[in-house]
Amino acid sequence: MGENASLWHDRTFLTAWVAHSTSTIGTAVTSLALPIVAVTALDASTFEIGILRALTTIAFLFLALPAGVLVDRRRKRPLLLWCDAIRAAVLVTVPVAFLLGGTSISHLYVVAFVVGAASVLSGIAFDSFRTALVPPPLRGEANARIAATDSFARVSGPGFGAGLVAWVGAALAVLVDVLSYLLSFVLLTRVKNVAEPQSRAGGRRRGVLADIREGFAFVRSDPTLSRIVACTAIGNFSLFASGAVTVVFLIRDLGLAPGLVGLVFCLGESGGLLAAFLAPRLTRSIGSARIILVSAVCAPVGYLALFSTPDTVFPVFGAFMIASSARYVLYDIAQYTYRQSICPPDLLGRMNASIRWVVGSASPVGAVVGGWLGLVVGPRTTLGIATTVLIAGSLLLIASPLRRARDIAEIRQPEAAG
């Protein structure tokens, strides 16, 4: 209870946590509202909606690695403040243009790209910033709290956004995200006296490419971390491959009403929310290294989906969604805590950016492959293939040093990357 009490009374962490949570929920609202603005106000085609969604994520592929370098060269809090200000300023143009009758699809394209780019930088900066918020013994607890609100945003955000859209319209619903970024900005101005690592701005400046290579070199230098990254990338590939056919499987194969599909997904995310709250207790009783390994080797729960029938969609497919969500959240909390524990402070931005880039790049590939497999072999078989791939990825961790450790502190630290 001592760690819990310390964290719950840490005003600096709580303020930064609320700031992050507020903007995360607002972003979930906008992810639904922007496409609805395009459809209802502009009669956008499916191709235009596809471009709009792509622009929110394409910035990641091009900007994640340079953003990691920038984060390591600058103080994190000012970067977070700038990202909040930019996103609020760009998003507020949507309701303004709507009220003035000047909304266009090209305008929404620009908004989507700028918000996506600022979100890339903000995510990488916050990954480094939160490491400095709390002492090492409390990082696992802090990561669990952040994961809990991230899960809550995934559960409540779309539903809250749908309600707002129905109440005030899609364009005005975007104002909620604007307000969320402004509130995050105000809260972050109150986060002071954080002992951020010394930036490299005053030292010997190297090229961006050299700094990016150093981030990748550090990831490769640790046999445990490199296997975790490979396992996570394979897991992301599998997740997006299965995600490409899940809705089709539920509606066409199992005959679930479209209105109930969202309920199934909310049911699944509740598993992640519960896992985030239980993570500190489970970590203390099982061990942080074992949490990573056990959550990875529990991948066969995915085969539960294959036994779903129209009569068992909620007990069987629901169990699959709950178990999968819980497994992913426990794995993410533990593996992120491991990353924090081994990385030098001045490398955090580049290490996190390197990992985000590798893992994130697997997502669109998985989605395309999953969609193609759905056409060729059907959704149910695609889910089975995705689960098999996931299990193969988990085998990488069985052969890692995690197998012989209870806690991450017992794993030998890597030598500095050169």
Protein backbone atom coordinates (compact mmCIF):
# COMPACT_ATOMS: atom_id res chain seq x y z
CA MET A 1 0.00 0.00 0.00
CA GLY A 2 2.96 2.29 0.48
CA GLU A 3 3.57 2.63 -3.24
CA ASN A 4 -0.11 3.24 -3.93
CA ALA A 5 -0.30 5.95 -1.29
CA SER A 6 2.81 7.68 -2.61
CA LEU A 7 1.53 7.72 -6.16
CA TRP A 8 -2.01 8.82 -5.34
CA HIS A 9 -0.64 11.74 -3.35
CA ASP A 10 1.87 12.78 -6.00
CA ARG A 11 0.30 15.98 -7.34
CA THR A 12 2.80 16.27 -10.18
CA PHE A 13 2.01 12.84 -11.55
CA LEU A 14 -1.74 13.21 -11.02
CA THR A 15 -1.83 16.51 -12.90
CA ALA A 16 0.15 15.14 -15.85
CA TRP A 17 -1.98 11.99 -15.83
CA VAL A 18 -5.24 13.95 -15.97
CA ALA A 19 -3.82 16.13 -18.77
CA HIS A 20 -2.89 13.05 -20.81
CA SER A 21 -6.22 11.33 -20.11
CA THR A 22 -8.26 14.37 -21.06
CA SER A 23 -6.62 14.79 -24.45
CA THR A 24 -6.79 11.02 -25.11
CA ILE A 25 -10.56 10.94 -24.62
CA GLY A 26 -10.96 14.05 -26.77
CA THR A 27 -8.92 12.45 -29.54
CA ALA A 28 -11.20 9.40 -29.46
CA VAL A 29 -14.16 11.73 -30.05
CA THR A 30 -12.52 13.41 -33.03
CA SER A 31 -11.55 10.09 -34.62
CA LEU A 32 -15.29 9.52 -35.02
CA ALA A 33 -16.41 13.11 -35.61
CA LEU A 34 -14.11 14.05 -38.51
CA PRO A 35 -15.25 11.23 -40.83
CA ILE A 36 -18.88 12.01 -39.95
CA VAL A 37 -18.34 15.68 -40.87
CA ALA A 38 -16.92 14.53 -44.20
CA VAL A 39 -19.89 12.23 -44.88
CA THR A 40 -22.76 14.40 -43.65
CA ALA A 41 -21.55 17.87 -44.60
CA LEU A 42 -19.53 17.08 -47.73
CA ASP A 43 -21.08 13.82 -48.98
CA ALA A 44 -17.56 12.34 -49.08
CA SER A 45 -16.97 9.06 -50.91
CA THR A 46 -15.52 5.96 -49.29
CA PHE A 47 -12.24 6.69 -51.07
CA GLU A 48 -12.12 10.20 -49.57
CA ILE A 49 -12.89 8.80 -46.12
CA GLY A 50 -10.06 6.31 -46.59
CA ILE A 51 -7.65 9.14 -47.43
CA LEU A 52 -8.87 11.11 -44.41
CA ARG A 53 -8.20 8.18 -42.09
CA ALA A 54 -4.84 7.47 -43.71
CA LEU A 55 -3.69 11.06 -43.22
CA THR A 56 -4.20 10.76 -39.47
CA THR A 57 -1.66 7.94 -39.34
CA ILE A 58 0.68 8.42 -42.31
CA ALA A 59 2.59 11.14 -40.46
CA PHE A 60 3.71 8.43 -38.07
CA LEU A 61 5.74 6.60 -40.72
CA PHE A 62 7.64 9.73 -41.76
CA LEU A 63 7.91 11.70 -38.54
CA ALA A 64 8.26 9.18 -35.69
CA LEU A 65 12.02 8.69 -36.00
CA PRO A 66 12.95 12.39 -36.38
CA ALA A 67 10.54 13.14 -33.53
CA GLY A 68 12.52 10.81 -31.29
CA VAL A 69 15.68 12.81 -32.02
CA LEU A 70 13.89 16.09 -31.29
CA VAL A 71 12.53 14.74 -28.00
CA ASP A 72 16.02 13.75 -26.85
CA ARG A 73 17.38 17.19 -27.79
CA ARG A 74 14.69 19.30 -26.11
CA ARG A 75 12.80 19.53 -22.84
CA LYS A 76 9.64 17.44 -23.01
CA ARG A 77 7.06 19.66 -21.31
CA PRO A 78 7.39 22.57 -23.79
CA LEU A 79 7.02 20.09 -26.66
CA LEU A 80 3.83 18.72 -25.10
CA LEU A 81 2.49 22.26 -24.65
CA TRP A 82 3.20 23.13 -28.28
CA CYS A 83 1.51 19.95 -29.49
CA ASP A 84 -1.63 20.69 -27.46
CA ALA A 85 -1.73 24.28 -28.71
CA ILE A 86 -1.26 23.28 -32.36
CA ARG A 87 -3.94 20.58 -32.24
CA ALA A 88 -6.44 22.89 -30.54
CA ALA A 89 -5.77 25.70 -33.03
CA VAL A 90 -6.12 23.44 -36.07
CA LEU A 91 -9.22 21.59 -34.87
CA VAL A 92 -11.12 24.75 -33.96
CA THR A 93 -11.11 25.67 -37.65
CA VAL A 94 -13.49 22.76 -38.35
CA PRO A 95 -16.56 24.09 -36.47
CA VAL A 96 -15.69 27.66 -37.51
CA ALA A 97 -15.56 26.70 -41.19
CA PHE A 98 -18.76 24.67 -40.79
CA LEU A 99 -20.63 27.62 -39.27
CA LEU A 100 -19.33 29.92 -42.02
CA GLY A 101 -20.22 27.44 -44.74
CA GLY A 102 -16.62 27.01 -45.88
CA THR A 103 -15.92 23.38 -45.03
CA SER A 104 -14.12 21.36 -47.72
CA ILE A 105 -12.59 17.92 -47.91
CA SER A 106 -9.16 19.44 -48.57
CA HIS A 107 -9.54 21.43 -45.34
CA LEU A 108 -10.28 18.22 -43.41
CA TYR A 109 -7.28 16.56 -45.05
CA VAL A 110 -4.99 19.31 -43.73
CA VAL A 111 -6.55 19.11 -40.27
CA ALA A 112 -6.16 15.33 -40.15
CA PHE A 113 -2.50 15.46 -41.19
CA VAL A 114 -1.47 18.28 -38.83
CA VAL A 115 -3.29 16.71 -35.87
CA GLY A 116 -1.71 13.36 -36.72
CA ALA A 117 1.77 14.86 -36.92
CA ALA A 118 1.38 16.72 -33.61
CA SER A 119 0.04 13.55 -32.00
CA VAL A 120 3.12 11.61 -33.12
CA LEU A 121 5.44 14.11 -31.45
CA SER A 122 3.21 14.36 -28.37
CA GLY A 123 3.07 10.58 -27.90
CA ILE A 124 6.84 10.15 -28.09
CA ALA A 125 7.46 13.17 -25.86
CA PHE A 126 5.01 11.90 -23.25
CA ASP A 127 6.65 8.46 -23.27
CA SER A 128 9.88 10.13 -22.14
CA PHE A 129 8.23 12.72 -19.91
CA ARG A 130 6.31 10.19 -17.81
CA THR A 131 9.53 8.35 -17.03
CA ALA A 132 10.76 11.49 -15.26
CA LEU A 133 7.50 12.04 -13.38
CA VAL A 134 7.93 9.28 -10.80
CA PRO A 135 10.86 7.42 -9.21
CA PRO A 136 11.81 3.98 -10.63
CA PRO A 137 9.97 1.92 -7.96
CA LEU A 138 6.67 3.57 -8.90
CA ARG A 139 6.96 3.46 -12.68
CA GLY A 140 5.08 0.21 -13.05
CA GLU A 141 2.23 1.63 -10.96
CA ALA A 142 2.22 4.84 -13.00
CA ASN A 143 2.19 2.92 -16.28
CA ALA A 144 -0.79 0.91 -15.04
CA ARG A 145 -2.73 4.08 -14.20
CA ILE A 146 -2.02 5.54 -17.63
CA ALA A 147 -3.00 2.27 -19.32
CA ALA A 148 -6.27 2.25 -17.37
CA THR A 149 -7.33 5.65 -18.66
CA ASP A 150 -6.17 4.77 -22.17
CA SER A 151 -8.43 1.71 -22.02
CA PHE A 152 -11.26 3.85 -20.67
CA ALA A 153 -10.83 6.23 -23.59
CA ARG A 154 -11.06 3.35 -26.05
CA VAL A 155 -14.23 2.09 -24.32
CA SER A 156 -16.02 5.38 -23.73
CA GLY A 157 -14.61 7.68 -26.41
CA PRO A 158 -16.49 6.36 -29.45
CA GLY A 159 -19.76 6.06 -27.52
CA PHE A 160 -19.36 9.53 -26.01
CA GLY A 161 -18.49 10.87 -29.45
CA ALA A 162 -21.53 9.24 -31.02
CA GLY A 163 -23.75 10.82 -28.37
CA LEU A 164 -22.23 14.24 -28.94
CA VAL A 165 -22.59 13.93 -32.70
CA ALA A 166 -26.26 13.03 -32.28
CA TRP A 167 -26.77 15.93 -29.88
CA VAL A 168 -24.86 18.87 -31.40
CA GLY A 169 -23.64 17.57 -34.75
CA ALA A 170 -20.25 16.30 -35.84
CA ALA A 171 -18.62 19.67 -36.49
CA LEU A 172 -19.47 21.08 -33.07
CA ALA A 173 -18.51 17.78 -31.42
CA VAL A 174 -14.95 18.49 -32.56
CA LEU A 175 -15.02 21.40 -30.09
CA VAL A 176 -14.87 18.84 -27.30
CA ASP A 177 -11.46 17.75 -28.54
CA VAL A 178 -10.40 21.40 -28.80
CA LEU A 179 -11.42 21.91 -25.18
CA SER A 180 -9.63 18.71 -24.15
CA TYR A 181 -6.35 19.95 -25.64
CA LEU A 182 -6.79 23.36 -24.04
CA LEU A 183 -7.46 21.75 -20.66
CA SER A 184 -4.42 19.52 -21.13
CA PHE A 185 -2.36 22.64 -21.97
CA VAL A 186 -3.49 24.43 -18.80
CA LEU A 187 -2.82 21.39 -16.62
CA LEU A 188 0.65 20.87 -18.11
CA THR A 189 1.57 24.48 -17.28
CA ARG A 190 1.03 23.49 -13.64
CA VAL A 191 3.43 20.53 -13.88
CA LYS A 192 6.70 21.97 -12.67
CA ASN A 193 9.91 20.87 -10.99
CA VAL A 194 10.14 17.68 -13.01
CA ALA A 195 13.74 16.47 -13.15
CA GLU A 196 13.91 15.90 -16.89
CA PRO A 197 17.13 14.36 -18.24
CA GLN A 198 19.69 16.81 -19.58
CA SER A 199 19.02 17.41 -23.26
CA ARG A 200 21.79 17.09 -25.80
CA ALA A 201 21.22 20.57 -27.15
CA GLY A 202 24.30 21.90 -25.43
CA GLY A 203 26.57 19.01 -26.33
CA ARG A 204 28.19 17.84 -29.52
CA ARG A 205 25.49 17.93 -32.18
CA ARG A 206 25.41 15.03 -34.60
CA GLY A 207 23.32 14.43 -37.67
CA VAL A 208 19.71 13.31 -37.36
CA LEU A 209 20.43 10.02 -39.14
CA ALA A 210 23.28 9.24 -36.74
CA ASP A 211 21.00 9.85 -33.78
CA ILE A 212 18.28 7.66 -35.30
CA ARG A 213 20.80 4.85 -35.83
CA GLU A 214 21.83 5.14 -32.18
CA GLY A 215 18.23 4.53 -31.12
CA PHE A 216 17.97 1.40 -33.27
CA ALA A 217 21.40 0.23 -32.10
CA PHE A 218 20.31 0.43 -28.46
CA VAL A 219 17.22 -1.68 -29.16
CA ARG A 220 19.34 -4.31 -30.93
CA SER A 221 21.97 -4.32 -28.16
CA ASP A 222 19.64 -5.87 -25.58
CA PRO A 223 18.60 -9.45 -26.42
CA THR A 224 15.49 -9.16 -24.23
CA LEU A 225 14.37 -5.82 -25.64
CA SER A 226 14.98 -6.82 -29.26
CA ARG A 227 12.84 -9.94 -28.77
CA ILE A 228 10.12 -7.92 -27.04
CA VAL A 229 10.04 -5.51 -29.98
CA ALA A 230 9.86 -8.36 -32.50
CA CYS A 231 7.11 -10.07 -30.50
CA THR A 232 5.18 -6.79 -30.20
CA ALA A 233 5.47 -6.06 -33.92
CA ILE A 234 4.22 -9.54 -34.78
CA GLY A 235 1.42 -9.06 -32.27
CA ASN A 236 0.44 -5.77 -33.88
CA PHE A 237 0.46 -7.41 -37.32
CA SER A 238 -1.83 -10.14 -35.97
CA LEU A 239 -4.10 -7.65 -34.20
CA PHE A 240 -4.68 -5.58 -37.34
CA ALA A 241 -5.02 -8.66 -39.54
CA SER A 242 -7.78 -9.99 -37.31
CA GLY A 243 -9.27 -6.52 -36.93
CA ALA A 244 -9.71 -6.31 -40.70
CA VAL A 245 -12.22 -9.17 -40.64
CA THR A 246 -13.71 -9.06 -37.14
CA VAL A 247 -16.67 -6.82 -37.98
CA VAL A 248 -17.45 -8.87 -41.10
CA PHE A 249 -17.19 -12.08 -39.06
CA LEU A 250 -19.57 -10.79 -36.39
CA ILE A 251 -22.19 -9.43 -38.79
CA ARG A 252 -22.10 -11.83 -41.74
CA ASP A 253 -20.89 -15.09 -40.24
CA LEU A 254 -22.48 -14.86 -36.80
CA GLY A 255 -25.48 -12.74 -37.77
CA LEU A 256 -24.93 -10.15 -35.06
CA ALA A 257 -26.93 -6.94 -35.48
CA PRO A 258 -24.68 -3.98 -36.38
CA GLY A 259 -25.88 -2.11 -33.31
CA LEU A 260 -24.54 -4.89 -31.07
CA VAL A 261 -21.07 -4.97 -32.61
CA GLY A 262 -20.02 -1.95 -30.57
CA LEU A 263 -21.24 -3.71 -27.44
CA VAL A 264 -18.96 -6.67 -28.17
CA PHE A 265 -15.97 -4.34 -28.57
CA CYS A 266 -16.83 -2.45 -25.38
CA LEU A 267 -17.08 -5.81 -23.61
CA GLY A 268 -13.59 -6.65 -24.85
CA GLU A 269 -12.07 -3.35 -23.78
CA SER A 270 -13.47 -3.84 -20.29
CA GLY A 271 -10.94 -6.67 -19.94
CA GLY A 272 -8.11 -4.25 -20.63
CA LEU A 273 -9.50 -1.75 -18.15
CA LEU A 274 -9.72 -4.39 -15.42
CA ALA A 275 -6.23 -5.67 -16.24
CA ALA A 276 -4.78 -2.16 -15.94
CA PHE A 277 -6.18 -1.77 -12.42
CA LEU A 278 -5.03 -5.24 -11.36
CA ALA A 279 -1.58 -4.94 -12.96
CA PRO A 280 0.30 -3.61 -9.88
CA ARG A 281 -1.07 -6.41 -7.67
CA LEU A 282 -0.40 -9.08 -10.29
CA THR A 283 3.12 -7.75 -10.82
CA ARG A 284 3.88 -7.99 -7.11
CA SER A 285 2.52 -11.52 -6.81
CA ILE A 286 3.76 -13.00 -10.10
CA GLY A 287 6.75 -10.84 -11.05
CA SER A 288 7.16 -8.24 -13.79
CA ALA A 289 9.31 -10.43 -16.07
CA ARG A 290 6.87 -13.31 -15.73
CA ILE A 291 3.96 -10.99 -16.60
CA ILE A 292 5.61 -10.24 -19.96
CA LEU A 293 6.25 -13.90 -20.66
CA VAL A 294 2.91 -15.27 -19.43
CA SER A 295 0.83 -12.63 -21.23
CA ALA A 296 2.70 -13.42 -24.45
CA VAL A 297 2.31 -17.19 -24.25
CA CYS A 298 -1.42 -16.85 -23.52
CA ALA A 299 -1.87 -16.00 -27.20
CA PRO A 300 -3.79 -19.24 -27.93
CA VAL A 301 -6.87 -17.66 -26.31
CA GLY A 302 -7.38 -16.27 -29.81
CA TYR A 303 -8.57 -19.67 -30.94
CA LEU A 304 -11.70 -19.11 -28.82
CA ALA A 305 -13.00 -16.90 -31.62
CA LEU A 306 -13.07 -19.87 -33.99
CA PHE A 307 -15.62 -21.69 -31.82
CA SER A 308 -18.10 -18.81 -31.83
CA THR A 309 -21.57 -19.50 -33.18
CA PRO A 310 -24.60 -17.22 -33.53
CA ASP A 311 -25.87 -18.63 -30.22
CA THR A 312 -22.58 -18.24 -28.34
CA VAL A 313 -21.27 -14.95 -29.72
CA PHE A 314 -21.38 -13.15 -26.36
CA PRO A 315 -20.06 -15.90 -24.03
CA VAL A 316 -17.43 -17.28 -26.45
CA PHE A 317 -16.39 -14.38 -28.69
CA GLY A 318 -16.87 -12.03 -25.73
CA ALA A 319 -14.51 -14.18 -23.65
CA PHE A 320 -11.99 -14.02 -26.48
CA MET A 321 -12.21 -10.21 -26.64
CA ILE A 322 -11.93 -9.80 -22.86
CA ALA A 323 -8.97 -12.20 -22.55
CA SER A 324 -7.16 -10.68 -25.54
CA SER A 325 -7.60 -7.12 -24.29
CA ALA A 326 -6.45 -8.03 -20.78
CA ARG A 327 -3.43 -9.88 -22.18
CA TYR A 328 -2.38 -6.96 -24.37
CA VAL A 329 -2.68 -4.41 -21.55
CA LEU A 330 -0.73 -6.49 -19.02
CA TYR A 331 1.96 -7.13 -21.61
CA ASP A 332 2.22 -3.44 -22.58
CA ILE A 333 2.48 -2.20 -18.99
CA ALA A 334 5.23 -4.69 -18.09
CA GLN A 335 7.26 -4.35 -21.27
CA TYR A 336 7.13 -0.55 -21.15
CA THR A 337 8.32 -0.59 -17.55
CA TYR A 338 11.22 -2.79 -18.67
CA ARG A 339 12.11 -0.29 -21.40
CA GLN A 340 12.12 2.54 -18.86
CA SER A 341 14.37 0.59 -16.51
CA ILE A 342 17.17 -0.14 -19.00
CA CYS A 343 17.34 2.95 -21.21
CA PRO A 344 19.65 5.90 -20.45
CA PRO A 345 17.53 9.06 -20.03
CA ASP A 346 19.10 10.84 -23.01
CA LEU A 347 18.15 7.92 -25.30
CA LEU A 348 14.51 7.48 -24.25
CA GLY A 349 13.06 9.50 -27.11
CA ARG A 350 14.98 7.68 -29.82
CA MET A 351 14.47 4.26 -28.26
CA ASN A 352 10.71 4.80 -27.95
CA ALA A 353 10.51 6.27 -31.46
CA SER A 354 12.42 3.31 -32.92
CA ILE A 355 10.11 0.84 -31.22
CA ARG A 356 6.98 2.78 -32.15
CA TRP A 357 8.13 2.91 -35.78
CA VAL A 358 8.83 -0.83 -36.02
CA VAL A 359 5.64 -1.82 -34.22
CA GLY A 360 3.49 0.79 -35.94
CA SER A 361 4.74 -0.13 -39.41
CA ALA A 362 3.40 -3.65 -38.89
CA SER A 363 -0.15 -2.33 -38.44
CA PRO A 364 -1.04 -1.33 -42.03
CA VAL A 365 0.69 -4.45 -43.38
CA GLY A 366 -1.39 -6.62 -41.06
CA ALA A 367 -4.59 -4.83 -42.04
CA VAL A 368 -3.93 -5.31 -45.77
CA VAL A 369 -2.93 -8.97 -45.38
CA GLY A 370 -5.92 -9.63 -43.12
CA GLY A 371 -8.31 -8.04 -45.60
CA TRP A 372 -6.84 -10.09 -48.46
CA LEU A 373 -7.00 -13.33 -46.48
CA GLY A 374 -10.61 -12.56 -45.59
CA LEU A 375 -11.45 -12.50 -49.28
CA VAL A 376 -9.48 -15.67 -50.09
CA VAL A 377 -10.15 -17.99 -47.12
CA GLY A 378 -12.91 -16.24 -45.17
CA PRO A 379 -13.01 -14.34 -41.86
CA ARG A 380 -13.04 -17.36 -39.52
CA THR A 381 -9.95 -18.94 -41.10
CA THR A 382 -8.23 -15.53 -41.15
CA LEU A 383 -8.76 -15.23 -37.39
CA GLY A 384 -7.17 -18.66 -36.97
CA ILE A 385 -4.17 -17.70 -39.12
CA ALA A 386 -3.73 -14.43 -37.20
CA THR A 387 -3.75 -16.32 -33.89
CA THR A 388 -1.18 -18.81 -35.21
CA VAL A 389 1.10 -15.94 -36.23
CA LEU A 390 0.65 -14.42 -32.78
CA ILE A 391 1.69 -17.69 -31.12
CA ALA A 392 4.78 -17.87 -33.34
CA GLY A 393 5.77 -14.40 -32.17
CA SER A 394 5.41 -15.37 -28.52
CA LEU A 395 7.97 -18.15 -29.02
CA LEU A 396 10.63 -15.44 -29.36
CA LEU A 397 10.17 -14.55 -25.70
CA ILE A 398 10.30 -18.14 -24.50
CA ALA A 399 13.89 -18.25 -25.77
CA SER A 400 14.78 -14.91 -24.13
CA PRO A 401 16.30 -14.14 -20.69
CA LEU A 402 12.74 -13.53 -19.45
CA ARG A 403 12.39 -17.30 -19.08
CA ARG A 404 14.88 -17.35 -16.18
CA ALA A 405 13.78 -14.19 -14.33
CA ARG A 406 10.94 -13.32 -11.99
CA ASP A 407 11.29 -9.53 -12.16
CA ILE A 408 12.78 -7.25 -14.77
CA ALA A 409 15.40 -6.06 -12.27
CA GLU A 410 16.97 -9.54 -12.45
CA ILE A 411 17.65 -9.27 -16.19
CA ARG A 412 21.18 -8.20 -17.03
CA GLN A 413 21.39 -4.66 -18.33
CA PRO A 414 22.68 -4.18 -21.90
CA GLU A 415 25.95 -2.50 -22.63
CA ALA A 416 25.67 1.02 -23.96
CA ALA A 417 25.05 1.20 -27.66
CA GLY A 418 27.79 2.72 -29.69
